[in-house]
Amino acid sequence: MKQGIYAGAMAIALILGSISNASADDFDPDRGTFDPAIQFVITPYGSILGDPAQVTDLSTDRIGFTYCSTVPDKDRGLLLMASVMVPAQDGADGGGHAMMMTVDQARNFIAHLRKGREWATVAAENKVGLFSKPIGDVIGTEGEAEHLSIIFVSDAQSNGSVRIDHVLGGVTKAFGLGLNPAQKYAAQAGYALETALAQTPDAAPAEDAAKSKLFE
């Protein structure tokens, strides 16, 4: 199920064309704010759905862009799919990656990204090169273990950044974000999650024997 959902999301998010309500100059890779009213932006790699944050796929050094959506699951409830879309570039085909989270995991993911500026400063002041905050075991394909962590990085020049590590089947997929793009990704994910939750009907209450008698 996950692969089918992800393929559909990637197909609509990687729109490489000229349709846009924003000019090429409107996309600022270091902007830390998210605008849900923006439907498309034009990047150097084509038109991308929504108002994405820019990331780096650390395994290839290629540029990617974030996209967030939600999907209902009959066993786990509402799920957030936090994705990174990597357009074709440098002679390589495009691709992408998705991280599926429950509501509680998604809220931790968002909160940790929002802490990026604060924790990067703490890391720099205390000469802590890496500091990891686990999101925990997230939802993987059948029989495969996934683990997701947010890592705060301070380099030798005290420049802070954020790294997302997603471990699947023992293989780590890592993405790097500047402190501002991390804020934007958090806002994008938060908007997708809270909007979907507001539109999700409350679950029917469990049957109560005493109350049931009132409706016999």
C-alpha atoms as a PDB file:
ATOM      1  CA  MET A   1       0.000   0.000   0.000  1.00  0.00           C
ATOM      2  CA  LYS A   2       2.753   2.422   0.948  1.00  0.00           C
ATOM      3  CA  GLN A   3       4.528   2.125  -2.407  1.00  0.00           C
ATOM      4  CA  GLY A   4       1.333   2.845  -4.332  1.00  0.00           C
ATOM      5  CA  ILE A   5       0.472   5.878  -2.219  1.00  0.00           C
ATOM      6  CA  TYR A   6       4.001   7.241  -2.519  1.00  0.00           C
ATOM      7  CA  ALA A   7       4.152   6.768  -6.279  1.00  0.00           C
ATOM      8  CA  GLY A   8       0.964   8.774  -6.661  1.00  0.00           C
ATOM      9  CA  ALA A   9       2.245  11.580  -4.468  1.00  0.00           C
ATOM     10  CA  MET A  10       5.519  11.774  -6.344  1.00  0.00           C
ATOM     11  CA  ALA A  11       3.719  11.877  -9.676  1.00  0.00           C
ATOM     12  CA  ILE A  12       1.714  14.953  -8.728  1.00  0.00           C
ATOM     13  CA  ALA A  13       4.481  16.694  -6.812  1.00  0.00           C
ATOM     14  CA  LEU A  14       7.196  16.493  -9.447  1.00  0.00           C
ATOM     15  CA  ILE A  15       5.504  18.653 -12.051  1.00  0.00           C
ATOM     16  CA  LEU A  16       8.313  19.697 -14.360  1.00  0.00           C
ATOM     17  CA  GLY A  17       6.702  22.333 -16.518  1.00  0.00           C
ATOM     18  CA  SER A  18       5.970  26.006 -16.811  1.00  0.00           C
ATOM     19  CA  ILE A  19       2.643  26.213 -14.957  1.00  0.00           C
ATOM     20  CA  SER A  20       3.045  28.332 -11.844  1.00  0.00           C
ATOM     21  CA  ASN A  21       1.565  31.143  -9.828  1.00  0.00           C
ATOM     22  CA  ALA A  22       5.066  32.212  -8.747  1.00  0.00           C
ATOM     23  CA  SER A  23       7.966  33.403 -10.823  1.00  0.00           C
ATOM     24  CA  ALA A  24      11.397  31.779 -10.729  1.00  0.00           C
ATOM     25  CA  ASP A  25      12.629  34.624  -8.554  1.00  0.00           C
ATOM     26  CA  ASP A  26       9.943  33.879  -5.968  1.00  0.00           C
ATOM     27  CA  PHE A  27      11.591  30.655  -4.792  1.00  0.00           C
ATOM     28  CA  ASP A  28      14.144  31.433  -2.107  1.00  0.00           C
ATOM     29  CA  PRO A  29      15.942  28.235  -0.990  1.00  0.00           C
ATOM     30  CA  ASP A  30      16.787  29.804   2.376  1.00  0.00           C
ATOM     31  CA  ARG A  31      13.310  31.137   3.226  1.00  0.00           C
ATOM     32  CA  GLY A  32      12.080  29.802   6.558  1.00  0.00           C
ATOM     33  CA  THR A  33       8.357  30.537   6.188  1.00  0.00           C
ATOM     34  CA  PHE A  34       5.707  28.416   4.473  1.00  0.00           C
ATOM     35  CA  ASP A  35       2.821  29.851   2.449  1.00  0.00           C
ATOM     36  CA  PRO A  36      -0.027  27.342   1.934  1.00  0.00           C
ATOM     37  CA  ALA A  37      -1.608  29.633  -0.661  1.00  0.00           C
ATOM     38  CA  ILE A  38       1.255  29.007  -3.117  1.00  0.00           C
ATOM     39  CA  GLN A  39       0.268  26.254  -5.539  1.00  0.00           C
ATOM     40  CA  PHE A  40       3.488  25.987  -7.540  1.00  0.00           C
ATOM     41  CA  VAL A  41       6.989  27.394  -7.564  1.00  0.00           C
ATOM     42  CA  ILE A  42       9.561  27.293 -10.335  1.00  0.00           C
ATOM     43  CA  THR A  43      12.986  26.088  -9.277  1.00  0.00           C
ATOM     44  CA  PRO A  44      16.135  25.700 -11.406  1.00  0.00           C
ATOM     45  CA  TYR A  45      14.974  22.083 -11.929  1.00  0.00           C
ATOM     46  CA  GLY A  46      11.400  22.760 -13.000  1.00  0.00           C
ATOM     47  CA  SER A  47       8.037  23.471 -11.445  1.00  0.00           C
ATOM     48  CA  ILE A  48       7.333  21.893  -8.041  1.00  0.00           C
ATOM     49  CA  LEU A  49       3.939  21.557  -6.381  1.00  0.00           C
ATOM     50  CA  GLY A  50       3.262  23.742  -3.357  1.00  0.00           C
ATOM     51  CA  ASP A  51       5.753  25.851  -1.422  1.00  0.00           C
ATOM     52  CA  PRO A  52       8.562  23.379  -0.677  1.00  0.00           C
ATOM     53  CA  ALA A  53      11.653  23.565   1.475  1.00  0.00           C
ATOM     54  CA  GLN A  54      14.928  22.792  -0.259  1.00  0.00           C
ATOM     55  CA  VAL A  55      16.997  19.861   1.000  1.00  0.00           C
ATOM     56  CA  THR A  56      20.125  17.988  -0.075  1.00  0.00           C
ATOM     57  CA  ASP A  57      20.142  14.239  -0.612  1.00  0.00           C
ATOM     58  CA  LEU A  58      23.380  13.521   1.249  1.00  0.00           C
ATOM     59  CA  SER A  59      23.978  10.235  -0.590  1.00  0.00           C
ATOM     60  CA  THR A  60      24.177  11.967  -3.970  1.00  0.00           C
ATOM     61  CA  ASP A  61      24.562  15.688  -3.143  1.00  0.00           C
ATOM     62  CA  ARG A  62      21.567  16.336  -5.383  1.00  0.00           C
ATOM     63  CA  ILE A  63      18.933  18.949  -4.564  1.00  0.00           C
ATOM     64  CA  GLY A  64      15.481  17.876  -3.454  1.00  0.00           C
ATOM     65  CA  PHE A  65      12.259  19.568  -2.419  1.00  0.00           C
ATOM     66  CA  THR A  66       9.762  18.693   0.295  1.00  0.00           C
ATOM     67  CA  TYR A  67       6.129  17.743  -0.121  1.00  0.00           C
ATOM     68  CA  CYS A  68       3.684  16.713   2.620  1.00  0.00           C
ATOM     69  CA  SER A  69       0.352  14.936   2.398  1.00  0.00           C
ATOM     70  CA  THR A  70      -1.854  12.755   4.566  1.00  0.00           C
ATOM     71  CA  VAL A  71      -3.605   9.436   4.093  1.00  0.00           C
ATOM     72  CA  PRO A  72      -6.087   7.549   6.295  1.00  0.00           C
ATOM     73  CA  ASP A  73      -5.127   4.084   7.509  1.00  0.00           C
ATOM     74  CA  LYS A  74      -7.774   1.743   8.915  1.00  0.00           C
ATOM     75  CA  ASP A  75      -5.412   0.400  11.596  1.00  0.00           C
ATOM     76  CA  ARG A  76      -3.321   3.449  12.515  1.00  0.00           C
ATOM     77  CA  GLY A  77      -5.619   6.360  11.793  1.00  0.00           C
ATOM     78  CA  LEU A  78      -4.420   9.422   9.915  1.00  0.00           C
ATOM     79  CA  LEU A  79      -0.837   9.207   8.626  1.00  0.00           C
ATOM     80  CA  LEU A  80       1.510  11.988   7.538  1.00  0.00           C
ATOM     81  CA  MET A  81       3.621  11.286   4.470  1.00  0.00           C
ATOM     82  CA  ALA A  82       6.625  13.619   4.622  1.00  0.00           C
ATOM     83  CA  SER A  83       8.347  13.339   1.264  1.00  0.00           C
ATOM     84  CA  VAL A  84      11.439  14.570  -0.516  1.00  0.00           C
ATOM     85  CA  MET A  85      11.185  14.860  -4.298  1.00  0.00           C
ATOM     86  CA  VAL A  86      14.471  14.889  -6.224  1.00  0.00           C
ATOM     87  CA  PRO A  87      14.072  16.252  -9.778  1.00  0.00           C
ATOM     88  CA  ALA A  88      16.221  15.000 -12.645  1.00  0.00           C
ATOM     89  CA  GLN A  89      19.560  16.810 -12.571  1.00  0.00           C
ATOM     90  CA  ASP A  90      23.243  16.364 -13.420  1.00  0.00           C
ATOM     91  CA  GLY A  91      22.337  13.702 -15.962  1.00  0.00           C
ATOM     92  CA  ALA A  92      20.551  11.549 -13.369  1.00  0.00           C
ATOM     93  CA  ASP A  93      16.871  10.607 -13.358  1.00  0.00           C
ATOM     94  CA  GLY A  94      14.549  12.083 -10.783  1.00  0.00           C
ATOM     95  CA  GLY A  95      13.298  10.173  -7.770  1.00  0.00           C
ATOM     96  CA  GLY A  96      12.105  10.625  -4.248  1.00  0.00           C
ATOM     97  CA  HIS A  97      11.690   9.297  -0.757  1.00  0.00           C
ATOM     98  CA  ALA A  98       8.816   9.154   1.730  1.00  0.00           C
ATOM     99  CA  MET A  99       8.547   8.887   5.507  1.00  0.00           C
ATOM    100  CA  MET A 100       5.205   7.694   6.892  1.00  0.00           C
ATOM    101  CA  MET A 101       4.283   8.710  10.443  1.00  0.00           C
ATOM    102  CA  THR A 102       1.377   8.415  12.835  1.00  0.00           C
ATOM    103  CA  VAL A 103      -0.085  11.635  14.240  1.00  0.00           C
ATOM    104  CA  ASP A 104       2.017  11.445  17.418  1.00  0.00           C
ATOM    105  CA  GLN A 105       5.199  10.694  15.483  1.00  0.00           C
ATOM    106  CA  ALA A 106       4.439  13.485  13.035  1.00  0.00           C
ATOM    107  CA  ARG A 107       4.003  15.983  15.850  1.00  0.00           C
ATOM    108  CA  ASN A 108       7.372  14.947  17.304  1.00  0.00           C
ATOM    109  CA  PHE A 109       8.950  15.260  13.848  1.00  0.00           C
ATOM    110  CA  ILE A 110       7.528  18.770  13.460  1.00  0.00           C
ATOM    111  CA  ALA A 111       8.502  19.852  16.986  1.00  0.00           C
ATOM    112  CA  HIS A 112      12.082  18.655  16.571  1.00  0.00           C
ATOM    113  CA  LEU A 113      12.481  20.453  13.245  1.00  0.00           C
ATOM    114  CA  ARG A 114      11.183  23.640  14.864  1.00  0.00           C
ATOM    115  CA  LYS A 115      13.866  23.319  17.552  1.00  0.00           C
ATOM    116  CA  GLY A 116      16.580  23.452  14.899  1.00  0.00           C
ATOM    117  CA  ARG A 117      17.740  27.016  15.481  1.00  0.00           C
ATOM    118  CA  GLU A 118      17.705  26.704  19.262  1.00  0.00           C
ATOM    119  CA  TRP A 119      19.447  23.343  19.446  1.00  0.00           C
ATOM    120  CA  ALA A 120      22.015  24.235  16.795  1.00  0.00           C
ATOM    121  CA  THR A 121      23.019  27.212  18.955  1.00  0.00           C
ATOM    122  CA  VAL A 122      23.290  25.000  22.038  1.00  0.00           C
ATOM    123  CA  ALA A 123      25.402  22.516  20.071  1.00  0.00           C
ATOM    124  CA  ALA A 124      27.736  25.243  18.840  1.00  0.00           C
ATOM    125  CA  GLU A 125      28.134  26.858  22.265  1.00  0.00           C
ATOM    126  CA  ASN A 126      28.925  23.521  23.889  1.00  0.00           C
ATOM    127  CA  LYS A 127      31.021  22.167  21.009  1.00  0.00           C
ATOM    128  CA  VAL A 128      28.639  19.284  20.383  1.00  0.00           C
ATOM    129  CA  GLY A 129      29.121  18.273  16.764  1.00  0.00           C
ATOM    130  CA  LEU A 130      26.067  16.020  16.484  1.00  0.00           C
ATOM    131  CA  PHE A 131      22.954  15.678  18.606  1.00  0.00           C
ATOM    132  CA  SER A 132      20.243  13.169  17.683  1.00  0.00           C
ATOM    133  CA  LYS A 133      16.531  13.182  18.566  1.00  0.00           C
ATOM    134  CA  PRO A 134      14.762   9.941  17.624  1.00  0.00           C
ATOM    135  CA  ILE A 135      11.263   9.997  16.207  1.00  0.00           C
ATOM    136  CA  GLY A 136      11.154   6.235  16.740  1.00  0.00           C
ATOM    137  CA  ASP A 137      10.116   3.248  14.686  1.00  0.00           C
ATOM    138  CA  VAL A 138       7.933   4.586  11.929  1.00  0.00           C
ATOM    139  CA  ILE A 139       5.761   2.785   9.428  1.00  0.00           C
ATOM    140  CA  GLY A 140       7.577   0.626   6.912  1.00  0.00           C
ATOM    141  CA  THR A 141       6.678  -1.874   4.254  1.00  0.00           C
ATOM    142  CA  GLU A 142       5.672  -5.317   5.467  1.00  0.00           C
ATOM    143  CA  GLY A 143       8.469  -7.058   7.357  1.00  0.00           C
ATOM    144  CA  GLU A 144      10.906  -4.150   7.220  1.00  0.00           C
ATOM    145  CA  ALA A 145      11.958  -2.051  10.212  1.00  0.00           C
ATOM    146  CA  GLU A 146      12.159   1.688   9.807  1.00  0.00           C
ATOM    147  CA  HIS A 147      13.657   4.208  12.195  1.00  0.00           C
ATOM    148  CA  LEU A 148      13.593   7.979  11.865  1.00  0.00           C
ATOM    149  CA  SER A 149      15.801  10.532  13.621  1.00  0.00           C
ATOM    150  CA  ILE A 150      16.361  14.284  13.480  1.00  0.00           C
ATOM    151  CA  ILE A 151      20.034  15.189  13.934  1.00  0.00           C
ATOM    152  CA  PHE A 152      21.312  18.652  14.771  1.00  0.00           C
ATOM    153  CA  VAL A 153      24.720  19.436  13.358  1.00  0.00           C
ATOM    154  CA  SER A 154      27.318  22.026  14.335  1.00  0.00           C
ATOM    155  CA  ASP A 155      30.448  22.193  12.205  1.00  0.00           C
ATOM    156  CA  ALA A 156      33.909  23.450  13.094  1.00  0.00           C
ATOM    157  CA  GLN A 157      32.836  27.009  12.218  1.00  0.00           C
ATOM    158  CA  SER A 158      29.775  26.712  14.488  1.00  0.00           C
ATOM    159  CA  ASN A 159      27.429  26.726  11.506  1.00  0.00           C
ATOM    160  CA  GLY A 160      24.276  24.834  12.386  1.00  0.00           C
ATOM    161  CA  SER A 161      22.181  22.587  10.169  1.00  0.00           C
ATOM    162  CA  VAL A 162      19.668  19.778  10.440  1.00  0.00           C
ATOM    163  CA  ARG A 163      19.881  16.233   9.110  1.00  0.00           C
ATOM    164  CA  ILE A 164      17.041  13.734   8.735  1.00  0.00           C
ATOM    165  CA  ASP A 165      18.130  10.094   8.965  1.00  0.00           C
ATOM    166  CA  HIS A 166      15.671   7.437   7.817  1.00  0.00           C
ATOM    167  CA  VAL A 167      16.832   3.849   8.304  1.00  0.00           C
ATOM    168  CA  LEU A 168      15.077   1.174   6.280  1.00  0.00           C
ATOM    169  CA  GLY A 169      16.265  -2.433   6.312  1.00  0.00           C
ATOM    170  CA  GLY A 170      19.592  -1.382   7.774  1.00  0.00           C
ATOM    171  CA  VAL A 171      20.241   1.225   5.056  1.00  0.00           C
ATOM    172  CA  THR A 172      20.237   4.917   5.995  1.00  0.00           C
ATOM    173  CA  LYS A 173      18.802   7.596   3.728  1.00  0.00           C
ATOM    174  CA  ALA A 174      19.952  11.037   4.896  1.00  0.00           C
ATOM    175  CA  PHE A 175      18.822  14.538   3.947  1.00  0.00           C
ATOM    176  CA  GLY A 176      20.408  17.827   4.976  1.00  0.00           C
ATOM    177  CA  LEU A 177      18.573  21.100   5.560  1.00  0.00           C
ATOM    178  CA  GLY A 178      19.649  24.566   6.538  1.00  0.00           C
ATOM    179  CA  LEU A 179      18.107  25.955   9.702  1.00  0.00           C
ATOM    180  CA  ASN A 180      15.592  28.085   7.784  1.00  0.00           C
ATOM    181  CA  PRO A 181      14.447  25.298   5.433  1.00  0.00           C
ATOM    182  CA  ALA A 182      13.993  23.057   8.479  1.00  0.00           C
ATOM    183  CA  GLN A 183      11.534  25.625   9.856  1.00  0.00           C
ATOM    184  CA  LYS A 184       9.724  25.688   6.543  1.00  0.00           C
ATOM    185  CA  TYR A 185       9.501  21.879   6.358  1.00  0.00           C
ATOM    186  CA  ALA A 186       8.057  21.863   9.888  1.00  0.00           C
ATOM    187  CA  ALA A 187       5.439  24.447   8.910  1.00  0.00           C
ATOM    188  CA  GLN A 188       4.571  22.577   5.717  1.00  0.00           C
ATOM    189  CA  ALA A 189       4.166  19.269   7.579  1.00  0.00           C
ATOM    190  CA  GLY A 190       2.208  20.926  10.380  1.00  0.00           C
ATOM    191  CA  TYR A 191      -0.195  22.560   7.947  1.00  0.00           C
ATOM    192  CA  ALA A 192      -0.840  19.270   6.112  1.00  0.00           C
ATOM    193  CA  LEU A 193      -1.373  17.368   9.357  1.00  0.00           C
ATOM    194  CA  GLU A 194      -3.579  19.844  11.196  1.00  0.00           C
ATOM    195  CA  THR A 195      -5.673  20.608   8.110  1.00  0.00           C
ATOM    196  CA  ALA A 196      -6.384  16.909   7.616  1.00  0.00           C
ATOM    197  CA  LEU A 197      -7.159  16.389  11.301  1.00  0.00           C
ATOM    198  CA  ALA A 198      -9.636  19.261  11.256  1.00  0.00           C
ATOM    199  CA  GLN A 199     -11.430  17.603   8.346  1.00  0.00           C
ATOM    200  CA  THR A 200     -11.437  14.101   9.873  1.00  0.00           C
ATOM    201  CA  PRO A 201     -14.703  13.108  11.589  1.00  0.00           C
ATOM    202  CA  ASP A 202     -14.454  12.053  15.204  1.00  0.00           C
ATOM    203  CA  ALA A 203     -14.517   8.308  15.736  1.00  0.00           C
ATOM    204  CA  ALA A 204     -17.819   6.832  16.857  1.00  0.00           C
ATOM    205  CA  PRO A 205     -17.859   6.285  20.631  1.00  0.00           C
ATOM    206  CA  ALA A 206     -17.590   2.745  21.923  1.00  0.00           C
ATOM    207  CA  GLU A 207     -20.874   1.169  22.947  1.00  0.00           C
ATOM    208  CA  ASP A 208     -21.824   1.798  26.566  1.00  0.00           C
ATOM    209  CA  ALA A 209     -24.225  -0.790  27.993  1.00  0.00           C
ATOM    210  CA  ALA A 210     -26.047   1.686  30.248  1.00  0.00           C
ATOM    211  CA  LYS A 211     -26.473   4.283  27.523  1.00  0.00           C
ATOM    212  CA  SER A 212     -27.493   1.644  24.999  1.00  0.00           C
ATOM    213  CA  LYS A 213     -30.614   0.912  27.061  1.00  0.00           C
ATOM    214  CA  LEU A 214     -31.797   4.470  26.397  1.00  0.00           C
ATOM    215  CA  PHE A 215     -31.959   3.711  22.694  1.00  0.00           C
ATOM    216  CA  GLU A 216     -33.583   0.260  22.785  1.00  0.00           C
END
